[in-house]
C-alpha atoms as a PDB file:
ATOM      1  CA  MET A   1      -5.232  -0.765  31.150  1.00  0.00           C
ATOM      2  CA  LYS A   2      -2.709  -1.272  28.393  1.00  0.00           C
ATOM      3  CA  VAL A   3       0.985  -0.554  28.081  1.00  0.00           C
ATOM      4  CA  ARG A   4       2.872  -0.950  24.827  1.00  0.00           C
ATOM      5  CA  ILE A   5       6.662  -1.219  24.667  1.00  0.00           C
ATOM      6  CA  GLY A   6       8.674  -1.010  21.465  1.00  0.00           C
ATOM      7  CA  ILE A   7      12.196  -2.370  21.135  1.00  0.00           C
ATOM      8  CA  LYS A   8      13.973  -1.044  18.082  1.00  0.00           C
ATOM      9  CA  HIS A   9      17.148  -2.609  16.742  1.00  0.00           C
ATOM     10  CA  GLU A  10      18.860  -2.628  13.367  1.00  0.00           C
ATOM     11  CA  ASP A  11      19.544  -6.375  13.555  1.00  0.00           C
ATOM     12  CA  LEU A  12      16.302  -8.121  12.571  1.00  0.00           C
ATOM     13  CA  GLY A  13      17.738 -11.531  13.487  1.00  0.00           C
ATOM     14  CA  LEU A  14      18.347 -10.375  17.039  1.00  0.00           C
ATOM     15  CA  LEU A  15      14.790  -9.040  17.315  1.00  0.00           C
ATOM     16  CA  LYS A  16      13.429 -12.331  15.971  1.00  0.00           C
ATOM     17  CA  ALA A  17      15.376 -14.267  18.590  1.00  0.00           C
ATOM     18  CA  ILE A  18      14.021 -12.047  21.362  1.00  0.00           C
ATOM     19  CA  HIS A  19      10.494 -12.324  19.942  1.00  0.00           C
ATOM     20  CA  GLU A  20      10.669 -16.129  19.850  1.00  0.00           C
ATOM     21  CA  SER A  21      12.041 -16.307  23.380  1.00  0.00           C
ATOM     22  CA  LEU A  22       8.954 -14.440  24.631  1.00  0.00           C
ATOM     23  CA  ILE A  23       6.548 -17.088  23.323  1.00  0.00           C
ATOM     24  CA  PRO A  24       6.838 -19.442  26.350  1.00  0.00           C
ATOM     25  CA  GLU A  25       6.699 -16.456  28.712  1.00  0.00           C
ATOM     26  CA  SER A  26       3.463 -15.175  27.187  1.00  0.00           C
ATOM     27  CA  LYS A  27       1.776 -18.557  27.698  1.00  0.00           C
ATOM     28  CA  SER A  28       2.379 -18.632  31.462  1.00  0.00           C
ATOM     29  CA  LEU A  29       1.237 -15.273  32.779  1.00  0.00           C
ATOM     30  CA  PRO A  30       0.940 -14.932  36.566  1.00  0.00           C
ATOM     31  CA  SER A  31      -2.694 -13.800  36.409  1.00  0.00           C
ATOM     32  CA  SER A  32      -5.706 -14.624  34.279  1.00  0.00           C
ATOM     33  CA  GLU A  33      -6.581 -10.905  34.471  1.00  0.00           C
ATOM     34  CA  CYS A  34      -3.762 -10.075  32.038  1.00  0.00           C
ATOM     35  CA  SER A  35      -2.848 -10.727  28.469  1.00  0.00           C
ATOM     36  CA  LEU A  36       0.402 -10.273  26.620  1.00  0.00           C
ATOM     37  CA  ARG A  37       0.785  -9.833  22.884  1.00  0.00           C
ATOM     38  CA  HIS A  38       3.959  -9.316  20.936  1.00  0.00           C
ATOM     39  CA  LYS A  39       4.689  -8.900  17.271  1.00  0.00           C
ATOM     40  CA  LEU A  40       7.584  -8.030  15.055  1.00  0.00           C
ATOM     41  CA  LEU A  41       6.971  -5.049  12.774  1.00  0.00           C
ATOM     42  CA  GLY A  42       9.994  -4.403  10.602  1.00  0.00           C
ATOM     43  CA  GLY A  43      12.812  -3.321  12.877  1.00  0.00           C
ATOM     44  CA  VAL A  44      10.608  -2.984  15.975  1.00  0.00           C
ATOM     45  CA  LEU A  45       9.474  -5.628  18.430  1.00  0.00           C
ATOM     46  CA  GLU A  46       6.186  -4.455  19.904  1.00  0.00           C
ATOM     47  CA  ILE A  47       5.015  -5.881  23.232  1.00  0.00           C
ATOM     48  CA  GLU A  48       1.586  -5.039  24.639  1.00  0.00           C
ATOM     49  CA  PHE A  49       0.469  -5.739  28.196  1.00  0.00           C
ATOM     50  CA  ASP A  50      -3.238  -5.575  29.025  1.00  0.00           C
ATOM     51  CA  CYS A  51      -4.476  -6.003  32.610  1.00  0.00           C
ATOM     52  CA  SER A  52      -7.722  -5.299  34.391  1.00  0.00           C
ATOM     53  CA  ARG A  53      -6.028  -3.775  37.466  1.00  0.00           C
ATOM     54  CA  VAL A  54      -3.170  -1.316  37.827  1.00  0.00           C
ATOM     55  CA  ASN A  55      -1.366  -3.230  40.581  1.00  0.00           C
ATOM     56  CA  ILE A  56      -1.274  -6.387  38.448  1.00  0.00           C
ATOM     57  CA  LEU A  57      -0.121  -4.417  35.410  1.00  0.00           C
ATOM     58  CA  ARG A  58       2.674  -2.815  37.443  1.00  0.00           C
ATOM     59  CA  ALA A  59       3.834  -6.194  38.792  1.00  0.00           C
ATOM     60  CA  LEU A  60       3.732  -7.738  35.309  1.00  0.00           C
ATOM     61  CA  LEU A  61       5.679  -4.836  33.807  1.00  0.00           C
ATOM     62  CA  ASN A  62       8.347  -4.984  36.520  1.00  0.00           C
ATOM     63  CA  SER A  63       8.716  -8.696  35.976  1.00  0.00           C
ATOM     64  CA  TYR A  64       8.845  -8.484  32.185  1.00  0.00           C
ATOM     65  CA  LEU A  65      11.254  -5.571  32.096  1.00  0.00           C
ATOM     66  CA  GLY A  66      13.685  -7.765  34.044  1.00  0.00           C
ATOM     67  CA  VAL A  67      12.999 -10.730  31.751  1.00  0.00           C
ATOM     68  CA  LEU A  68      13.411  -8.585  28.628  1.00  0.00           C
ATOM     69  CA  SER A  69      16.654  -7.112  29.903  1.00  0.00           C
ATOM     70  CA  SER A  70      18.057 -10.594  30.607  1.00  0.00           C
ATOM     71  CA  ILE A  71      16.893 -11.974  27.253  1.00  0.00           C
ATOM     72  CA  MET A  72      18.392  -9.032  25.364  1.00  0.00           C
ATOM     73  CA  GLU A  73      21.737  -9.387  27.146  1.00  0.00           C
ATOM     74  CA  CYS A  74      21.874 -13.133  26.450  1.00  0.00           C
ATOM     75  CA  VAL A  75      20.859 -12.832  22.810  1.00  0.00           C
ATOM     76  CA  GLU A  76      23.223  -9.925  22.129  1.00  0.00           C
ATOM     77  CA  GLU A  77      26.098 -11.799  23.777  1.00  0.00           C
ATOM     78  CA  ALA A  78      25.342 -14.941  21.766  1.00  0.00           C
ATOM     79  CA  TRP A  79      25.111 -12.837  18.601  1.00  0.00           C
ATOM     80  CA  ASN A  80      28.495 -11.225  19.330  1.00  0.00           C
ATOM     81  CA  VAL A  81      30.174 -14.565  20.080  1.00  0.00           C
ATOM     82  CA  ASN A  82      28.726 -16.058  16.889  1.00  0.00           C
ATOM     83  CA  ARG A  83      29.880 -13.095  14.798  1.00  0.00           C
ATOM     84  CA  GLU A  84      33.373 -13.209  16.314  1.00  0.00           C
ATOM     85  CA  SER A  85      33.761 -16.941  15.643  1.00  0.00           C
ATOM     86  CA  THR A  86      32.439 -16.514  12.087  1.00  0.00           C
ATOM     87  CA  SER A  87      34.882 -13.654  11.472  1.00  0.00           C
ATOM     88  CA  ARG A  88      37.781 -15.723  12.856  1.00  0.00           C
ATOM     89  CA  SER A  89      36.809 -18.739  10.710  1.00  0.00           C
ATOM     90  CA  LYS A  90      36.718 -16.580   7.583  1.00  0.00           C
ATOM     91  CA  ALA A  91      40.060 -14.984   8.441  1.00  0.00           C
ATOM     92  CA  GLU A  92      41.684 -18.365   9.067  1.00  0.00           C
ATOM     93  CA  GLY A  93      40.252 -19.811   5.863  1.00  0.00           C
ATOM     94  CA  SER A  94      41.546 -17.035   3.618  1.00  0.00           C
END
């Protein structure tokens, strides 16, 4: 069974950061009966889960949806802090 999730965002840098943060996660899956692939296609991060059993797929999805939510919150917050400090630095310099 396969499930594909797409995360669309206008900020390609943010998607790249999320994509790169998934690399360690995809190397340590909880079961050898599953695989995880992810790729960045333009403004969409595509994540595909493939498991041999439904119960394992469901557990993996539940786990990764939590991980993805946390990663997205952290990356977006870091992006916002970075943008705010950059804007302040430019304003102070001019």
